[in-house]
Amino acid sequence: MDALSGIRVIEFSAGFVGPVAGDVMARMGAEVIRVESRRHLDFTRLVRDPVSKAQPKLNEERLFNDINLNKLGLCVNVTKSRGLELIKNLIAQSDVLLENFSAGTIEKLGMGYSVVRQLRPDIIMVSASGSGRGGRDSENLAVASIFTGLAGMAELTGYPDDTPFEARSSNDIVNSFTVAMAILAALCYRLKTGKGQYIDYASREGLSCLVGDAFMDYFMNGRIQTRKANRDDSMAPHNCYRCQGEDRWVSIAVGSEKEWRALVKVMGNPAWAKQEKFRNMLNRWQNQEELDKHINQWTKDFTAYQVMEKLQKVGVAAIPSFTSEDLFSDPHLAERGAYDIVEHPITGANFELTCPWKLSATPPRNNRHGPLLGEHNEYVFKELLGLTPEEIGKLETDKVFW
């Protein structure tokens, strides 16, 4: 038995936040049914290949597959009354309704929480949007790069002499895991009380939680933090340093005098390290630019892995800046089973990432490829809702299943 066996999630979503949250639930054994329509296809089904620039065929886009593993897929036009009626019947048999459309969209489709809780009183409904429900910005459109600015992260990310950095899909994915955690908390509450609830999730607030130190610095000291590249507020050295090879780097972070002495010894006790300007952490922090130049002169003669091995042996935090190729070939990740192979009926065998948590009794699994558009219409509408083949055929002809 999987951790979430017996939990059914109906997912109306697009992009990353909703789909990845649903993917997390599905990997832990929930039956996640993703509802789509040809009227408005998710852009992740239509992303052009970054190399060939070719437009993928509808069911062949890797991005969509990667973030929708283990789900079932419906293709239903809920703007038609019969389509909405059938989905409401399905919601009545489900535990969770997950949606991440713009604020107000799900209500306009006739599936707001006031309606859904009448269908199943103990249902858990999650609405994830840029600024949440309520508040003056709630109806503003937002995507991942906008979340970054609204959350205060963009102002803190990048180099001091450059523009703020817009982290994109990675921010969405952080929010996805937080949404999944909120769902699990609500499920635990329902186990204790028998009651469902509504989860109002604001992506900008989910990201603001990650920069609490900057908020605290302002509240307590009146300081406004800004971009500082790879440098730390107290540690020095603390940066990425160039190594042998084209665009190869190693990150080094020294957090104590003991670590500093170990680093100096590994570098061969250079004369410059004995200067007063590098005598203690404060002096080194005040002279970081010169300090980084000296360390770069040492690291450039070694590979990133060689630097890592030399420093890790003496207790200094150092790790290469991995490329995607490095991650794929990393023996540690292979030993932990960080990726596996999932067969797709059209594109064949694909490598897919596994969950980073390893439950000893109920490990998350990748059991199935991302759903083809409408792939599981027959299972849901015939087996779960009891429609006859003739009824299904007519609904296809009438473009209710569209």
Protein backbone atom coordinates (compact mmCIF):
# COMPACT_ATOMS: atom_id res chain seq x y z
CA MET A 1 0.00 0.00 0.00
CA ASP A 2 1.21 3.51 -0.84
CA ALA A 3 1.13 6.37 1.66
CA LEU A 4 -1.87 8.08 0.01
CA SER A 5 -3.71 5.04 -1.30
CA GLY A 6 -7.46 5.66 -1.37
CA ILE A 7 -7.15 9.45 -1.75
CA ARG A 8 -8.61 10.85 -4.96
CA VAL A 9 -7.54 14.29 -6.20
CA ILE A 10 -9.28 16.18 -9.00
CA GLU A 11 -6.83 18.60 -10.56
CA PHE A 12 -7.68 21.68 -12.63
CA SER A 13 -4.33 23.29 -13.29
CA ALA A 14 -1.82 24.80 -15.68
CA GLY A 15 1.87 25.63 -15.67
CA PHE A 16 3.78 24.31 -12.67
CA VAL A 17 2.31 25.05 -9.23
CA GLY A 18 -0.83 22.91 -9.51
CA PRO A 19 0.62 20.19 -11.76
CA VAL A 20 3.72 19.59 -9.62
CA ALA A 21 1.68 19.60 -6.40
CA GLY A 22 -0.59 16.99 -8.00
CA ASP A 23 2.46 15.06 -9.17
CA VAL A 24 3.79 14.94 -5.59
CA MET A 25 0.46 13.52 -4.40
CA ALA A 26 0.38 10.99 -7.24
CA ARG A 27 3.90 9.74 -6.53
CA MET A 28 2.77 8.95 -2.98
CA GLY A 29 -0.13 6.85 -4.22
CA ALA A 30 -3.09 9.22 -4.55
CA GLU A 31 -5.33 8.79 -7.57
CA VAL A 32 -4.85 12.16 -9.24
CA ILE A 33 -7.22 12.88 -12.13
CA ARG A 34 -6.16 15.83 -14.23
CA VAL A 35 -8.99 17.57 -16.10
CA GLU A 36 -8.10 19.26 -19.41
CA SER A 37 -9.79 20.47 -22.56
CA ARG A 38 -8.75 21.19 -26.13
CA ARG A 39 -10.43 24.58 -25.71
CA HIS A 40 -7.49 25.81 -23.66
CA LEU A 41 -4.46 23.53 -23.67
CA ASP A 42 -1.81 23.85 -20.97
CA PHE A 43 1.24 25.62 -22.42
CA THR A 44 3.48 22.84 -21.05
CA ARG A 45 1.97 20.58 -23.73
CA LEU A 46 3.13 23.01 -26.41
CA VAL A 47 6.66 24.06 -25.42
CA ARG A 48 9.04 24.11 -28.39
CA ASP A 49 12.15 21.91 -28.29
CA PRO A 50 14.99 24.17 -27.03
CA VAL A 51 17.42 22.74 -29.61
CA SER A 52 15.41 22.11 -32.77
CA LYS A 53 12.76 24.77 -31.97
CA ALA A 54 10.22 22.35 -33.43
CA GLN A 55 6.65 22.45 -32.15
CA PRO A 56 5.99 19.13 -30.37
CA LYS A 57 2.99 16.98 -31.14
CA LEU A 58 0.21 17.15 -28.59
CA ASN A 59 1.17 14.12 -26.49
CA GLU A 60 4.95 14.20 -26.93
CA GLU A 61 6.11 17.22 -24.92
CA ARG A 62 8.65 16.11 -22.31
CA LEU A 63 7.98 19.00 -19.93
CA PHE A 64 4.31 18.09 -19.59
CA ASN A 65 5.20 14.44 -19.06
CA ASP A 66 7.88 15.21 -16.48
CA ILE A 67 5.56 17.19 -14.19
CA ASN A 68 2.47 15.00 -14.58
CA LEU A 69 3.75 11.51 -13.88
CA ASN A 70 1.42 8.90 -12.38
CA LYS A 71 -1.78 10.86 -13.08
CA LEU A 72 -4.93 9.96 -14.95
CA GLY A 73 -6.10 12.36 -17.66
CA LEU A 74 -9.57 13.54 -18.70
CA CYS A 75 -10.52 15.69 -21.65
CA VAL A 76 -13.81 17.42 -20.82
CA ASN A 77 -15.33 20.74 -21.84
CA VAL A 78 -16.77 22.02 -18.55
CA THR A 79 -18.26 25.08 -20.26
CA LYS A 80 -20.93 22.70 -21.58
CA SER A 81 -23.61 21.91 -18.98
CA ARG A 82 -23.29 18.13 -19.37
CA GLY A 83 -19.51 18.30 -18.99
CA LEU A 84 -19.81 20.37 -15.80
CA GLU A 85 -22.48 18.01 -14.44
CA LEU A 86 -20.24 14.97 -14.94
CA ILE A 87 -17.26 16.66 -13.30
CA LYS A 88 -19.43 17.63 -10.34
CA ASN A 89 -20.44 13.98 -10.02
CA LEU A 90 -16.76 13.07 -9.98
CA ILE A 91 -15.97 15.74 -7.38
CA ALA A 92 -18.64 14.22 -5.14
CA GLN A 93 -16.57 11.01 -5.13
CA SER A 94 -13.24 12.77 -4.48
CA ASP A 95 -11.22 13.92 -1.48
CA VAL A 96 -9.37 16.93 -2.86
CA LEU A 97 -10.02 19.54 -5.54
CA LEU A 98 -6.80 21.28 -6.61
CA GLU A 99 -6.77 24.31 -8.89
CA ASN A 100 -4.24 27.04 -9.67
CA PHE A 101 -6.10 29.23 -12.13
CA SER A 102 -6.27 33.01 -11.78
CA ALA A 103 -8.44 34.14 -8.89
CA GLY A 104 -12.13 33.88 -9.79
CA THR A 105 -11.73 31.50 -12.73
CA ILE A 106 -12.86 28.32 -10.98
CA GLU A 107 -15.87 30.19 -9.57
CA LYS A 108 -16.84 31.35 -13.07
CA LEU A 109 -16.69 27.71 -14.20
CA GLY A 110 -19.22 26.84 -11.49
CA MET A 111 -16.90 25.02 -9.10
CA GLY A 112 -16.19 27.48 -6.29
CA TYR A 113 -15.87 26.18 -2.75
CA SER A 114 -19.45 27.13 -1.85
CA VAL A 115 -20.61 24.81 -4.65
CA VAL A 116 -18.05 22.05 -4.11
CA ARG A 117 -18.74 21.64 -0.39
CA GLN A 118 -22.40 20.99 -1.22
CA LEU A 119 -21.28 18.11 -3.43
CA ARG A 120 -19.07 16.66 -0.69
CA PRO A 121 -19.08 18.37 2.71
CA ASP A 122 -15.72 17.00 3.85
CA ILE A 123 -13.84 17.82 0.65
CA ILE A 124 -10.55 19.71 0.76
CA MET A 125 -10.28 22.40 -1.90
CA VAL A 126 -7.06 24.20 -2.74
CA SER A 127 -6.88 27.42 -4.74
CA ALA A 128 -3.32 28.48 -5.53
CA SER A 129 -2.88 31.86 -7.21
CA GLY A 130 -0.39 34.69 -7.34
CA SER A 131 -1.72 36.85 -4.50
CA GLY A 132 -4.40 34.63 -2.99
CA ARG A 133 -8.08 35.36 -2.48
CA GLY A 134 -9.02 38.70 -0.93
CA GLY A 135 -6.86 41.79 -0.86
CA ARG A 136 -6.46 44.47 -3.50
CA ASP A 137 -4.08 42.45 -5.68
CA SER A 138 -6.00 39.17 -5.66
CA GLU A 139 -7.31 39.48 -9.22
CA ASN A 140 -4.01 40.59 -10.76
CA LEU A 141 -2.50 38.11 -13.22
CA ALA A 142 0.84 36.64 -12.16
CA VAL A 143 3.36 34.04 -13.34
CA ALA A 144 6.56 32.73 -11.74
CA SER A 145 8.75 35.71 -12.62
CA ILE A 146 6.09 38.04 -11.20
CA PHE A 147 5.93 36.01 -7.97
CA THR A 148 9.66 36.58 -7.56
CA GLY A 149 9.27 40.34 -7.65
CA LEU A 150 6.16 40.39 -5.46
CA ALA A 151 7.84 38.15 -2.89
CA GLY A 152 10.92 40.36 -2.55
CA MET A 153 13.20 37.62 -3.87
CA ALA A 154 14.21 39.29 -7.13
CA GLU A 155 15.66 42.27 -5.29
CA LEU A 156 17.85 39.87 -3.29
CA THR A 157 18.95 37.65 -6.18
CA GLY A 158 21.76 38.53 -8.59
CA TYR A 159 24.84 40.72 -8.62
CA PRO A 160 25.03 44.15 -6.94
CA ASP A 161 25.85 45.95 -10.20
CA ASP A 162 23.22 44.11 -12.27
CA THR A 163 19.44 43.95 -12.52
CA PRO A 164 17.30 41.81 -10.19
CA PHE A 165 17.24 38.15 -11.24
CA GLU A 166 13.92 36.56 -12.16
CA ALA A 167 13.94 32.96 -10.99
CA ARG A 168 11.10 31.29 -12.82
CA SER A 169 9.96 27.65 -12.84
CA SER A 170 12.07 26.82 -9.78
CA ASN A 171 9.95 29.26 -7.75
CA ASP A 172 6.78 27.62 -8.99
CA ILE A 173 8.09 24.23 -7.93
CA VAL A 174 8.94 25.50 -4.43
CA ASN A 175 5.33 26.65 -4.15
CA SER A 176 4.13 23.27 -5.44
CA PHE A 177 5.75 21.41 -2.57
CA THR A 178 4.28 23.90 -0.09
CA VAL A 179 0.81 23.38 -1.59
CA ALA A 180 1.23 19.61 -1.27
CA MET A 181 2.22 20.06 2.39
CA ALA A 182 -0.92 22.14 3.01
CA ILE A 183 -3.07 19.40 1.47
CA LEU A 184 -1.46 16.76 3.69
CA ALA A 185 -2.10 18.94 6.77
CA ALA A 186 -5.77 19.31 5.79
CA LEU A 187 -6.06 15.54 5.25
CA CYS A 188 -4.65 14.95 8.74
CA TYR A 189 -7.19 17.42 10.16
CA ARG A 190 -10.00 15.59 8.37
CA LEU A 191 -8.87 12.26 9.82
CA LYS A 192 -9.21 13.75 13.31
CA THR A 193 -12.41 15.75 12.85
CA GLY A 194 -14.17 14.43 9.76
CA LYS A 195 -14.24 17.99 8.40
CA GLY A 196 -12.93 19.34 5.13
CA GLN A 197 -11.70 22.87 4.49
CA TYR A 198 -10.68 25.46 1.94
CA ILE A 199 -6.98 26.24 1.39
CA ASP A 200 -6.28 29.72 0.03
CA TYR A 201 -2.65 29.73 -1.17
CA ALA A 202 -0.75 32.83 -2.34
CA SER A 203 2.43 32.05 -4.26
CA ARG A 204 4.00 35.41 -3.48
CA GLU A 205 3.60 34.73 0.25
CA GLY A 206 4.96 31.21 -0.15
CA LEU A 207 8.17 32.68 -1.55
CA SER A 208 8.35 35.56 0.93
CA CYS A 209 8.65 32.95 3.67
CA LEU A 210 12.04 32.01 2.20
CA VAL A 211 13.52 35.47 2.75
CA GLY A 212 12.54 35.91 6.36
CA ASP A 213 16.01 37.08 7.34
CA ALA A 214 15.67 40.09 5.04
CA PHE A 215 12.29 40.97 6.55
CA MET A 216 13.67 40.60 10.07
CA ASP A 217 16.68 42.78 9.24
CA TYR A 218 14.34 45.53 8.09
CA PHE A 219 11.92 45.19 11.01
CA MET A 220 14.69 45.17 13.61
CA ASN A 221 17.41 47.34 12.09
CA GLY A 222 15.78 49.40 9.34
CA ARG A 223 18.20 47.96 6.77
CA ILE A 224 17.03 47.17 3.25
CA GLN A 225 18.93 44.19 1.89
CA THR A 226 19.73 43.95 -1.79
CA ARG A 227 21.70 41.75 -4.19
CA LYS A 228 25.06 40.45 -2.98
CA ALA A 229 25.78 37.69 -5.52
CA ASN A 230 27.33 34.65 -3.80
CA ARG A 231 28.60 36.45 -0.74
CA ASP A 232 27.42 35.94 2.82
CA ASP A 233 26.63 38.44 5.57
CA SER A 234 29.41 37.09 7.79
CA MET A 235 31.34 34.21 6.19
CA ALA A 236 34.42 34.84 4.04
CA PRO A 237 35.54 33.32 1.79
CA HIS A 238 32.08 32.47 0.48
CA ASN A 239 31.88 32.36 -3.32
CA CYS A 240 32.17 30.35 -6.53
CA TYR A 241 35.72 30.01 -7.86
CA ARG A 242 36.93 29.19 -11.35
CA CYS A 243 38.53 25.79 -11.96
CA GLN A 244 40.15 23.90 -14.82
CA GLY A 245 37.92 23.40 -17.84
CA GLU A 246 35.49 25.61 -19.72
CA ASP A 247 33.06 27.39 -17.38
CA ARG A 248 33.79 25.07 -14.47
CA TRP A 249 33.38 26.33 -10.91
CA VAL A 250 33.58 25.23 -7.30
CA SER A 251 31.69 26.73 -4.35
CA ILE A 252 33.68 27.24 -1.14
CA ALA A 253 32.25 28.42 2.18
CA VAL A 254 34.39 28.97 5.29
CA GLY A 255 32.47 29.46 8.53
CA SER A 256 35.11 29.35 11.27
CA GLU A 257 38.77 30.02 12.04
CA LYS A 258 39.38 26.27 12.15
CA GLU A 259 38.06 25.92 8.60
CA TRP A 260 40.12 28.92 7.47
CA ARG A 261 43.33 27.37 8.83
CA ALA A 262 42.49 24.09 7.07
CA LEU A 263 41.91 25.92 3.77
CA VAL A 264 45.21 27.81 4.10
CA LYS A 265 47.08 24.57 4.80
CA VAL A 266 45.58 22.83 1.75
CA MET A 267 46.56 25.84 -0.40
CA GLY A 268 50.17 25.40 0.76
CA ASN A 269 50.30 28.13 3.43
CA PRO A 270 50.74 31.02 0.96
CA ALA A 271 52.39 34.18 2.27
CA TRP A 272 49.40 36.38 1.41
CA ALA A 273 47.21 34.41 3.88
CA LYS A 274 49.40 35.67 6.77
CA GLN A 275 48.65 39.34 6.06
CA GLU A 276 46.77 41.33 8.69
CA LYS A 277 43.88 41.96 6.28
CA PHE A 278 43.10 38.22 6.37
CA ARG A 279 43.86 37.62 10.06
CA ASN A 280 40.27 36.99 11.20
CA MET A 281 36.78 36.55 9.78
CA LEU A 282 35.88 40.24 9.98
CA ASN A 283 39.08 41.29 8.21
CA ARG A 284 38.55 38.68 5.52
CA TRP A 285 34.93 39.76 5.07
CA GLN A 286 36.05 43.40 4.71
CA ASN A 287 38.62 42.41 2.05
CA GLN A 288 36.58 39.84 0.13
CA GLU A 289 37.40 41.10 -3.34
CA GLU A 290 41.15 40.68 -2.84
CA LEU A 291 40.64 37.43 -0.95
CA ASP A 292 38.60 35.95 -3.82
CA LYS A 293 41.34 36.86 -6.32
CA HIS A 294 43.91 34.92 -4.28
CA ILE A 295 41.68 31.87 -3.97
CA ASN A 296 40.87 31.95 -7.68
CA GLN A 297 44.60 31.84 -8.41
CA TRP A 298 44.74 28.57 -6.49
CA THR A 299 41.53 26.88 -7.71
CA LYS A 300 42.19 27.56 -11.40
CA ASP A 301 44.96 24.95 -11.43
CA PHE A 302 42.64 22.11 -10.36
CA THR A 303 39.37 20.56 -11.48
CA ALA A 304 36.33 21.34 -9.39
CA TYR A 305 36.26 17.75 -8.14
CA GLN A 306 39.91 17.92 -7.08
CA VAL A 307 39.22 21.07 -5.06
CA MET A 308 36.19 19.42 -3.49
CA GLU A 309 38.15 16.32 -2.48
CA LYS A 310 41.05 18.31 -1.03
CA LEU A 311 38.82 20.55 1.07
CA GLN A 312 36.15 18.07 2.13
CA LYS A 313 38.89 15.86 3.59
CA VAL A 314 39.85 18.63 6.02
CA GLY A 315 36.32 19.70 6.90
CA VAL A 316 35.82 22.66 4.55
CA ALA A 317 32.51 22.89 2.66
CA ALA A 318 33.30 22.76 -1.07
CA ILE A 319 31.30 21.34 -3.95
CA PRO A 320 31.38 21.73 -7.75
CA SER A 321 28.67 23.78 -9.45
CA PHE A 322 27.03 20.82 -11.16
CA THR A 323 25.79 20.99 -14.74
CA SER A 324 22.78 18.90 -15.75
CA GLU A 325 25.25 16.37 -17.21
CA ASP A 326 27.11 16.23 -13.88
CA LEU A 327 23.87 15.57 -12.02
CA PHE A 328 22.84 12.82 -14.42
CA SER A 329 26.19 11.01 -14.08
CA ASP A 330 26.75 11.66 -10.36
CA PRO A 331 27.38 8.30 -8.62
CA HIS A 332 25.90 9.50 -5.32
CA LEU A 333 22.55 10.35 -6.93
CA ALA A 334 22.61 7.05 -8.80
CA GLU A 335 23.16 5.13 -5.56
CA ARG A 336 20.22 6.94 -3.96
CA GLY A 337 17.96 6.15 -6.90
CA ALA A 338 17.44 9.82 -7.70
CA TYR A 339 16.15 8.99 -11.19
CA ASP A 340 14.52 6.04 -12.89
CA ILE A 341 13.16 5.10 -16.30
CA VAL A 342 9.48 5.52 -17.19
CA GLU A 343 8.09 4.19 -20.46
CA HIS A 344 5.97 6.56 -22.53
CA PRO A 345 3.72 5.05 -25.24
CA ILE A 346 4.87 7.57 -27.85
CA THR A 347 8.32 8.86 -26.89
CA GLY A 348 9.61 5.61 -25.36
CA ALA A 349 11.86 5.27 -22.33
CA ASN A 350 12.47 8.53 -20.43
CA PHE A 351 14.66 9.24 -17.43
CA GLU A 352 12.62 10.86 -14.66
CA LEU A 353 13.56 12.31 -11.27
CA THR A 354 12.28 10.51 -8.20
CA CYS A 355 11.13 12.11 -4.93
CA PRO A 356 13.92 13.41 -2.65
CA TRP A 357 12.34 11.78 0.42
CA LYS A 358 12.65 8.03 0.95
CA LEU A 359 9.87 6.59 3.10
CA SER A 360 11.00 3.18 4.38
CA ALA A 361 7.52 1.58 4.40
CA THR A 362 5.76 3.47 1.58
CA PRO A 363 8.39 4.81 -0.83
CA PRO A 364 7.10 7.22 -3.52
CA ARG A 365 7.13 5.71 -6.99
CA ASN A 366 6.95 6.61 -10.66
CA ASN A 367 4.45 4.07 -11.94
CA ARG A 368 3.11 5.74 -15.05
CA HIS A 369 3.91 8.34 -17.69
CA GLY A 370 2.10 11.68 -17.85
CA PRO A 371 -1.42 11.17 -19.25
CA LEU A 372 -2.18 11.52 -22.93
CA LEU A 373 -4.96 14.02 -23.54
CA GLY A 374 -8.20 12.31 -22.50
CA GLU A 375 -6.43 8.98 -22.01
CA HIS A 376 -8.57 7.90 -19.05
CA ASN A 377 -11.99 9.19 -20.11
CA GLU A 378 -13.36 5.68 -20.47
CA TYR A 379 -12.14 4.54 -17.02
CA VAL A 380 -13.53 7.57 -15.21
CA PHE A 381 -16.82 7.98 -17.03
CA LYS A 382 -17.59 4.30 -17.52
CA GLU A 383 -16.23 2.68 -14.35
CA LEU A 384 -16.51 5.51 -11.83
CA LEU A 385 -19.59 7.36 -13.12
CA GLY A 386 -21.40 4.48 -14.81
CA LEU A 387 -21.90 5.87 -18.33
CA THR A 388 -22.58 3.40 -21.13
CA PRO A 389 -20.34 3.18 -24.23
CA GLU A 390 -23.18 4.72 -26.23
CA GLU A 391 -23.44 7.69 -23.87
CA ILE A 392 -19.68 8.20 -24.02
CA GLY A 393 -19.76 8.06 -27.82
CA LYS A 394 -22.51 10.67 -28.00
CA LEU A 395 -20.66 12.99 -25.60
CA GLU A 396 -17.58 12.70 -27.82
CA THR A 397 -19.68 13.52 -30.88
CA ASP A 398 -21.24 16.50 -29.09
CA LYS A 399 -17.72 17.68 -28.11
CA VAL A 400 -18.48 17.52 -24.41
CA PHE A 401 -15.43 15.31 -24.21
CA TRP A 402 -13.21 17.79 -26.04
